[in-house]
Amino acid sequence: MGARPNIDHLKESCGSNQLQHCFKYLFVQEWRANEDFITYIGQKCADLEANIQRRALLIQESESFGPFHNVAPDAVECMGETQQRDQDMLAALIGILDLAREGRTEKERHVGLMDLKG
């Protein structure tokens, strides 16, 4: 057989020469990384949502100044642009979060298959 440096590295990392143990180890590591990613992206979504809500209130308050204040209309326009960008970013992150959550089920199935093989 030819050299299998990736399998050898996996065996070394896992501490076993049994492939089913090695692959279960790999899949558990991938599942953990996916869970950490879900947590991280979930927190980023929560942070963006809080910023969007806070900025919406600030925009509303700033609009109450009316046309007689020279700074307020420009500031409202700038905040509106930022608000739209943050909402677009939030939508993209939610899409990524949905994909990562789908990966959770996939990773759990992979780990389960290795349990059945053992």
Protein backbone atom coordinates (compact mmCIF):
# COMPACT_ATOMS: atom_id res chain seq x y z
CA MET A 1 0.00 0.00 0.00
CA GLY A 2 1.08 3.54 -0.65
CA ALA A 3 1.73 6.20 1.92
CA ARG A 4 -1.32 7.59 3.65
CA PRO A 5 -0.04 10.60 5.58
CA ASN A 6 -3.51 11.97 6.33
CA ILE A 7 -4.77 8.65 7.71
CA ASP A 8 -1.54 8.25 9.69
CA HIS A 9 -1.98 11.73 11.14
CA LEU A 10 -5.59 10.95 12.03
CA LYS A 11 -4.52 7.72 13.76
CA GLU A 12 -1.89 9.62 15.71
CA SER A 13 -4.34 12.38 16.71
CA CYS A 14 -6.97 9.86 17.72
CA GLY A 15 -4.62 7.53 19.52
CA SER A 16 -6.00 4.45 17.82
CA ASN A 17 -5.16 2.30 14.81
CA GLN A 18 -8.79 1.26 14.31
CA LEU A 19 -10.25 3.27 11.46
CA GLN A 20 -13.77 3.34 12.90
CA HIS A 21 -12.40 5.01 16.05
CA CYS A 22 -10.32 7.40 13.98
CA PHE A 23 -13.24 8.47 11.83
CA LYS A 24 -15.54 8.81 14.82
CA TYR A 25 -12.88 11.02 16.42
CA LEU A 26 -12.74 13.11 13.24
CA PHE A 27 -16.51 13.45 13.02
CA VAL A 28 -16.81 14.40 16.70
CA GLN A 29 -14.13 17.07 16.16
CA GLU A 30 -16.02 18.38 13.12
CA TRP A 31 -19.28 18.37 15.07
CA ARG A 32 -17.65 20.35 17.91
CA ALA A 33 -16.18 22.88 15.46
CA ASN A 34 -19.60 23.26 13.84
CA GLU A 35 -21.23 23.82 17.26
CA ASP A 36 -18.63 26.47 18.10
CA PHE A 37 -19.27 28.12 14.72
CA ILE A 38 -23.04 28.13 15.34
CA THR A 39 -22.48 29.77 18.72
CA TYR A 40 -20.13 32.38 17.25
CA ILE A 41 -22.39 33.30 14.31
CA GLY A 42 -25.44 33.27 16.60
CA GLN A 43 -23.76 35.83 18.86
CA LYS A 44 -22.81 37.98 15.84
CA CYS A 45 -26.46 37.88 14.73
CA ALA A 46 -27.64 38.91 18.19
CA ASP A 47 -25.13 41.77 18.25
CA LEU A 48 -26.25 42.99 14.81
CA GLU A 49 -29.92 42.73 15.78
CA ALA A 50 -29.26 44.85 18.87
CA ASN A 51 -27.39 47.45 16.79
CA ILE A 52 -30.18 47.53 14.21
CA GLN A 53 -32.84 48.05 16.89
CA ARG A 54 -30.82 50.75 18.65
CA ARG A 55 -30.12 52.54 15.37
CA ALA A 56 -33.79 52.38 14.36
CA LEU A 57 -34.70 54.25 17.55
CA LEU A 58 -31.91 56.76 16.96
CA ILE A 59 -33.12 57.34 13.40
CA GLN A 60 -36.65 57.83 14.67
CA GLU A 61 -35.49 60.36 17.27
CA SER A 62 -33.28 62.16 14.77
CA GLU A 63 -36.14 62.48 12.28
CA SER A 64 -38.14 64.31 14.93
CA PHE A 65 -35.85 67.35 14.64
CA GLY A 66 -37.48 68.34 11.37
CA PRO A 67 -35.99 70.29 8.45
CA PHE A 68 -34.71 73.23 10.53
CA HIS A 69 -31.65 71.38 11.80
CA ASN A 70 -28.95 71.11 9.15
CA VAL A 71 -27.12 68.11 10.60
CA ALA A 72 -30.04 65.80 11.37
CA PRO A 73 -31.18 65.08 7.77
CA ASP A 74 -27.64 64.16 6.66
CA ALA A 75 -27.09 62.05 9.77
CA VAL A 76 -30.40 60.24 9.22
CA GLU A 77 -29.43 59.49 5.64
CA CYS A 78 -26.05 58.09 6.74
CA MET A 79 -27.64 56.00 9.47
CA GLY A 80 -30.20 54.72 6.97
CA GLU A 81 -27.42 53.51 4.68
CA THR A 82 -25.68 51.78 7.56
CA GLN A 83 -28.97 50.31 8.72
CA GLN A 84 -29.60 48.76 5.30
CA ARG A 85 -26.09 47.32 5.14
CA ASP A 86 -26.42 45.82 8.62
CA GLN A 87 -29.80 44.32 7.74
CA ASP A 88 -28.27 42.77 4.61
CA MET A 89 -25.37 41.42 6.66
CA LEU A 90 -27.78 39.98 9.21
CA ALA A 91 -29.77 38.25 6.48
CA ALA A 92 -26.56 36.73 5.09
CA LEU A 93 -25.43 35.57 8.54
CA ILE A 94 -28.83 34.00 9.20
CA GLY A 95 -28.43 32.07 5.94
CA ILE A 96 -25.00 30.86 7.07
CA LEU A 97 -26.42 29.97 10.46
CA ASP A 98 -29.15 27.90 8.79
CA LEU A 99 -26.49 26.01 6.78
CA ALA A 100 -24.42 25.37 9.89
CA ARG A 101 -27.50 24.06 11.71
CA GLU A 102 -28.17 21.70 8.81
CA GLY A 103 -24.56 20.57 9.25
CA ARG A 104 -25.32 19.76 12.89
CA THR A 105 -27.74 17.03 11.84
CA GLU A 106 -25.30 15.77 9.23
CA LYS A 107 -22.42 15.59 11.74
CA GLU A 108 -24.59 13.83 14.32
CA ARG A 109 -25.55 11.25 11.68
CA HIS A 110 -21.87 10.72 10.81
CA VAL A 111 -20.96 10.12 14.46
CA GLY A 112 -23.94 7.75 14.79
CA LEU A 113 -22.84 5.73 11.78
CA MET A 114 -19.43 5.18 13.38
CA ASP A 115 -21.18 4.02 16.59
CA LEU A 116 -23.05 1.42 14.53
CA LYS A 117 -19.79 0.19 13.00
CA GLY A 118 -18.16 -0.21 16.42
